[in-house]
């Protein structure tokens, strides 16, 4: 489990995150949502250690990551898997070499053991026989699946996904969502995903955190999402013109409830 406690992050005089408190549980896909500039990416970077919080704590299974020394942090980092927004594959390396990269960096496995593990995760993401291909030869969906394979090759306890559906068509997005869900449950990983994709939110959100202007305005499940009494969240959910009427009806119901 990951716990974020009293987390603040400032850049100069700008306060980007304000007193964030929440937990992320294993075996669940925990989503962070909010419009651009709400602090989603900064929160994710603070959790994984790419940014240091101005104050507050991040606990990995009750171990305070912020207070750790470099050696202890490196031990935690070996348990992290990361799926980057653009895939972040090495263009000059094949699929096999990209997926193998963390094993080369962090393990003492033999070459045959590494190949077995690479083939195992490539099979898991439905990329059998893609070993020799290069990123330029892959579709967007195949690149994301390669990124997922690389993220799980070290059998991580924690998986972080930054906009995994960015640049994908709706059908491919569903495939990626389902794959992340399956892997999270199958390996009991604590998965945290930043997303703007409302389809992902309503189908893939075991727990949802909504950020607005650096503050946590709401948290809950996809089952309770549309019943939230939070104007900013409702505006975010029903942002499109097509859904404005549904949004206005929902807001009127909220106003009526609050006036009682």
Protein backbone atom coordinates (compact mmCIF):
# COMPACT_ATOMS: atom_id res chain seq x y z
CA UNK A 1 0.00 0.00 0.00
CA UNK A 2 1.08 3.59 -0.66
CA UNK A 3 0.03 6.39 1.68
CA UNK A 4 0.38 10.11 0.96
CA UNK A 5 0.22 12.23 4.08
CA UNK A 6 0.03 16.05 4.37
CA UNK A 7 1.84 16.50 1.06
CA UNK A 8 2.70 20.00 -0.19
CA UNK A 9 4.76 21.00 -3.21
CA UNK A 10 5.82 24.53 -4.10
CA UNK A 11 7.82 25.89 -6.99
CA UNK A 12 9.02 29.25 -5.74
CA UNK A 13 5.94 31.11 -4.55
CA UNK A 14 3.55 28.85 -6.50
CA UNK A 15 1.88 26.18 -4.37
CA UNK A 16 1.10 23.31 -6.75
CA UNK A 17 -0.01 20.68 -4.22
CA UNK A 18 -1.83 21.57 -1.00
CA UNK A 19 -2.14 19.12 1.87
CA UNK A 20 -2.81 15.94 -0.14
CA UNK A 21 -3.86 12.95 1.98
CA UNK A 22 -4.86 9.61 0.47
CA UNK A 23 -3.99 5.92 0.19
CA UNK A 24 -3.52 3.61 -2.79
CA UNK A 25 -4.22 -0.08 -2.28
CA UNK A 26 -2.64 -3.19 -3.87
CA UNK A 27 -4.60 -5.12 -6.44
CA UNK A 28 -6.48 -1.98 -7.45
CA UNK A 29 -6.15 0.57 -10.22
CA UNK A 30 -6.04 3.91 -8.45
CA UNK A 31 -6.74 6.83 -10.79
CA UNK A 32 -5.73 10.47 -10.40
CA UNK A 33 -7.94 12.75 -12.48
CA UNK A 34 -8.33 16.49 -13.00
CA UNK A 35 -7.91 19.07 -15.71
CA UNK A 36 -4.51 20.23 -16.98
CA UNK A 37 -2.61 22.15 -14.32
CA UNK A 38 -4.45 20.55 -11.41
CA UNK A 39 -1.29 18.91 -10.04
CA UNK A 40 -1.74 15.31 -11.23
CA UNK A 41 1.70 14.88 -12.78
CA UNK A 42 3.44 16.69 -9.91
CA UNK A 43 1.73 14.36 -7.42
CA UNK A 44 2.80 11.30 -9.40
CA UNK A 45 6.39 12.57 -9.58
CA UNK A 46 6.43 13.24 -5.84
CA UNK A 47 5.24 9.71 -5.13
CA UNK A 48 7.87 8.03 -7.33
CA UNK A 49 10.65 10.33 -6.11
CA UNK A 50 11.28 12.35 -9.28
CA UNK A 51 10.35 15.43 -7.24
CA UNK A 52 10.92 16.06 -3.54
CA UNK A 53 7.85 17.34 -1.67
CA UNK A 54 8.17 20.72 0.03
CA UNK A 55 6.69 19.01 3.08
CA UNK A 56 4.76 15.88 3.90
CA UNK A 57 5.35 12.15 3.53
CA UNK A 58 4.97 9.26 1.10
CA UNK A 59 4.88 5.80 2.67
CA UNK A 60 5.51 2.57 0.76
CA UNK A 61 4.16 -0.21 2.96
CA UNK A 62 4.62 2.02 6.04
CA UNK A 63 8.20 3.00 5.07
CA UNK A 64 8.71 6.76 4.78
CA UNK A 65 10.15 7.21 1.28
CA UNK A 66 10.77 10.94 1.68
CA UNK A 67 12.93 10.42 4.79
CA UNK A 68 14.99 7.57 3.31
CA UNK A 69 18.65 7.74 2.32
CA UNK A 70 19.79 7.08 -1.25
CA UNK A 71 20.45 3.36 -0.73
CA UNK A 72 17.03 2.75 0.83
CA UNK A 73 15.32 4.74 -1.94
CA UNK A 74 17.11 2.68 -4.57
CA UNK A 75 15.73 -0.49 -2.99
CA UNK A 76 12.21 0.90 -3.29
CA UNK A 77 12.84 2.07 -6.86
CA UNK A 78 13.67 -1.50 -7.89
CA UNK A 79 10.08 -2.35 -6.94
CA UNK A 80 8.61 0.42 -9.13
CA UNK A 81 7.35 -0.05 -12.69
CA UNK A 82 6.72 3.02 -14.84
CA UNK A 83 4.67 3.39 -18.02
CA UNK A 84 5.46 6.79 -19.50
CA UNK A 85 3.02 8.91 -21.48
CA UNK A 86 4.93 8.71 -24.77
CA UNK A 87 6.09 5.14 -24.24
CA UNK A 88 9.70 6.36 -23.78
CA UNK A 89 11.10 3.41 -25.74
CA UNK A 90 14.68 3.55 -26.98
CA UNK A 91 14.41 3.97 -30.76
CA UNK A 92 17.75 2.29 -31.42
CA UNK A 93 16.87 -0.82 -29.40
CA UNK A 94 14.63 -3.70 -30.42
CA UNK A 95 11.51 -4.66 -28.48
CA UNK A 96 13.47 -7.41 -26.75
CA UNK A 97 16.32 -5.03 -25.84
CA UNK A 98 13.89 -2.37 -24.56
CA UNK A 99 12.09 -4.82 -22.30
CA UNK A 100 15.36 -6.37 -21.17
CA UNK A 101 16.90 -3.01 -20.23
CA UNK A 102 15.81 -2.99 -16.52
CA UNK A 103 17.10 -6.55 -16.12
CA UNK A 104 20.50 -5.50 -17.50
CA UNK A 105 20.57 -2.49 -15.17
CA UNK A 106 19.37 -3.99 -11.91
CA UNK A 107 19.85 -7.78 -11.89
CA UNK A 108 22.59 -10.36 -12.14
CA UNK A 109 20.46 -12.82 -14.11
CA UNK A 110 22.11 -14.87 -16.81
CA UNK A 111 21.41 -14.05 -20.47
CA UNK A 112 19.16 -17.09 -20.80
CA UNK A 113 17.22 -16.14 -17.66
CA UNK A 114 16.76 -12.61 -18.98
CA UNK A 115 15.51 -13.89 -22.33
CA UNK A 116 13.06 -16.24 -20.61
CA UNK A 117 11.70 -13.38 -18.50
CA UNK A 118 11.45 -11.04 -21.51
CA UNK A 119 9.54 -13.66 -23.51
CA UNK A 120 7.28 -14.31 -20.53
CA UNK A 121 6.16 -10.68 -20.22
CA UNK A 122 5.93 -10.19 -24.00
CA UNK A 123 3.57 -13.15 -24.11
CA UNK A 124 1.60 -11.62 -21.24
CA UNK A 125 1.01 -8.41 -23.24
CA UNK A 126 0.27 -10.31 -26.48
CA UNK A 127 3.49 -9.43 -28.29
CA UNK A 128 4.78 -12.89 -29.11
CA UNK A 129 7.37 -12.91 -31.93
CA UNK A 130 7.85 -9.14 -31.75
CA UNK A 131 11.33 -9.41 -30.18
CA UNK A 132 13.30 -8.21 -33.20
CA UNK A 133 11.03 -5.32 -34.16
CA UNK A 134 12.03 -1.71 -33.49
CA UNK A 135 9.71 0.99 -32.06
CA UNK A 136 9.35 2.63 -35.49
CA UNK A 137 7.85 -0.63 -36.78
CA UNK A 138 5.18 -0.76 -34.06
CA UNK A 139 1.70 0.74 -33.91
CA UNK A 140 0.87 3.08 -31.04
CA UNK A 141 -0.89 0.28 -29.18
CA UNK A 142 2.04 -2.08 -29.64
CA UNK A 143 4.42 0.58 -28.33
CA UNK A 144 2.27 0.98 -25.20
CA UNK A 145 2.17 -2.80 -24.72
CA UNK A 146 5.96 -2.88 -25.05
CA UNK A 147 6.12 -0.16 -22.41
CA UNK A 148 3.88 -2.22 -20.12
CA UNK A 149 6.08 -5.28 -20.65
CA UNK A 150 9.16 -3.27 -19.69
CA UNK A 151 7.33 -1.83 -16.67
CA UNK A 152 6.46 -5.28 -15.28
CA UNK A 153 9.59 -7.21 -16.28
CA UNK A 154 11.09 -6.69 -12.80
CA UNK A 155 7.86 -8.00 -11.22
CA UNK A 156 7.18 -4.68 -9.44
CA UNK A 157 5.01 -4.16 -6.38
CA UNK A 158 4.00 -0.72 -7.61
CA UNK A 159 3.04 0.35 -11.14
CA UNK A 160 2.74 3.99 -12.25
CA UNK A 161 1.06 4.92 -15.54
CA UNK A 162 1.16 8.46 -16.90
CA UNK A 163 -1.67 9.00 -19.42
CA UNK A 164 -1.44 5.43 -20.82
CA UNK A 165 -4.11 6.13 -23.47
CA UNK A 166 -2.57 9.32 -24.80
CA UNK A 167 -2.52 9.30 -28.62
CA UNK A 168 -4.47 6.06 -28.95
CA UNK A 169 -7.75 5.44 -30.74
CA UNK A 170 -10.75 4.49 -28.53
CA UNK A 171 -10.62 0.77 -29.34
CA UNK A 172 -6.89 0.49 -28.60
CA UNK A 173 -7.40 2.51 -25.41
CA UNK A 174 -9.86 -0.10 -24.19
CA UNK A 175 -7.31 -2.86 -24.88
CA UNK A 176 -4.65 -1.02 -22.86
CA UNK A 177 -7.10 -0.33 -20.01
CA UNK A 178 -8.10 -3.98 -19.83
CA UNK A 179 -4.46 -5.09 -19.87
CA UNK A 180 -3.53 -2.75 -17.00
CA UNK A 181 -6.56 -3.96 -15.02
CA UNK A 182 -5.70 -7.61 -15.59
CA UNK A 183 -2.03 -7.19 -14.64
CA UNK A 184 -2.92 -5.16 -11.53
CA UNK A 185 -5.30 -7.83 -10.25
CA UNK A 186 -3.24 -10.82 -11.38
CA UNK A 187 -0.01 -9.70 -9.70
CA UNK A 188 -1.70 -7.71 -6.88
CA UNK A 189 0.23 -4.60 -7.88
CA UNK A 190 -0.51 -1.17 -6.42
CA UNK A 191 -1.26 0.73 -9.63
CA UNK A 192 -1.55 4.51 -9.84
CA UNK A 193 -2.66 6.04 -13.15
CA UNK A 194 -2.92 9.66 -14.29
CA UNK A 195 -5.63 10.04 -16.91
CA UNK A 196 -7.95 12.45 -18.72
CA UNK A 197 -9.84 9.57 -20.36
CA UNK A 198 -13.34 9.40 -18.88
CA UNK A 199 -13.90 5.97 -20.43
CA UNK A 200 -10.95 4.73 -18.36
CA UNK A 201 -12.38 6.41 -15.28
CA UNK A 202 -15.83 4.83 -15.47
CA UNK A 203 -14.59 1.35 -16.42
CA UNK A 204 -11.17 1.10 -14.81
CA UNK A 205 -11.26 3.19 -11.64
CA UNK A 206 -11.25 1.05 -8.51
CA UNK A 207 -10.40 4.22 -6.60
CA UNK A 208 -10.48 7.74 -8.03
CA UNK A 209 -8.76 10.86 -6.72
CA UNK A 210 -9.94 14.19 -8.19
CA UNK A 211 -7.55 17.13 -7.97
CA UNK A 212 -8.59 20.73 -8.52
CA UNK A 213 -6.07 23.59 -8.32
CA UNK A 214 -3.65 21.45 -6.34
CA UNK A 215 -6.16 20.22 -3.76
CA UNK A 216 -7.92 16.89 -3.39
CA UNK A 217 -11.57 17.81 -3.95
CA UNK A 218 -13.03 14.31 -3.99
CA UNK A 219 -12.16 10.63 -3.77
CA UNK A 220 -14.28 7.54 -4.22
CA UNK A 221 -15.07 4.71 -6.62
CA UNK A 222 -16.45 4.66 -10.15
CA UNK A 223 -19.75 3.49 -8.67
CA UNK A 224 -20.06 6.70 -6.60
CA UNK A 225 -18.48 9.07 -9.13
CA UNK A 226 -21.66 10.37 -10.72
CA UNK A 227 -23.37 10.88 -7.36
CA UNK A 228 -20.68 13.24 -6.07
CA UNK A 229 -21.85 16.56 -4.61
CA UNK A 230 -18.91 18.49 -6.04
CA UNK A 231 -19.41 21.17 -8.69
CA UNK A 232 -15.81 21.11 -9.96
CA UNK A 233 -15.91 17.33 -10.37
CA UNK A 234 -19.25 17.46 -12.19
CA UNK A 235 -17.91 20.19 -14.49
CA UNK A 236 -14.89 18.02 -15.23
CA UNK A 237 -16.92 14.89 -15.91
CA UNK A 238 -19.46 16.60 -18.16
CA UNK A 239 -17.04 18.93 -19.93
CA UNK A 240 -18.14 18.17 -23.50
CA UNK A 241 -20.97 20.08 -25.23
CA UNK A 242 -22.75 16.77 -25.77
CA UNK A 243 -22.97 16.23 -22.01
CA UNK A 244 -23.69 19.81 -20.90
CA UNK A 245 -27.41 19.16 -20.52
CA UNK A 246 -26.75 16.11 -18.34
CA UNK A 247 -24.30 18.18 -16.30
CA UNK A 248 -26.82 20.98 -15.73
CA UNK A 249 -29.48 18.49 -14.63
CA UNK A 250 -27.01 16.89 -12.22
CA UNK A 251 -25.98 20.27 -10.77
CA UNK A 252 -29.61 21.25 -10.21
CA UNK A 253 -30.12 18.03 -8.25
CA UNK A 254 -27.05 18.82 -6.15
CA UNK A 255 -28.29 22.37 -5.45
CA UNK A 256 -31.72 21.05 -4.43
CA UNK A 257 -30.13 18.51 -2.10
CA UNK A 258 -27.84 21.10 -0.49
CA UNK A 259 -30.69 23.58 0.04
CA UNK A 260 -32.68 21.13 2.18
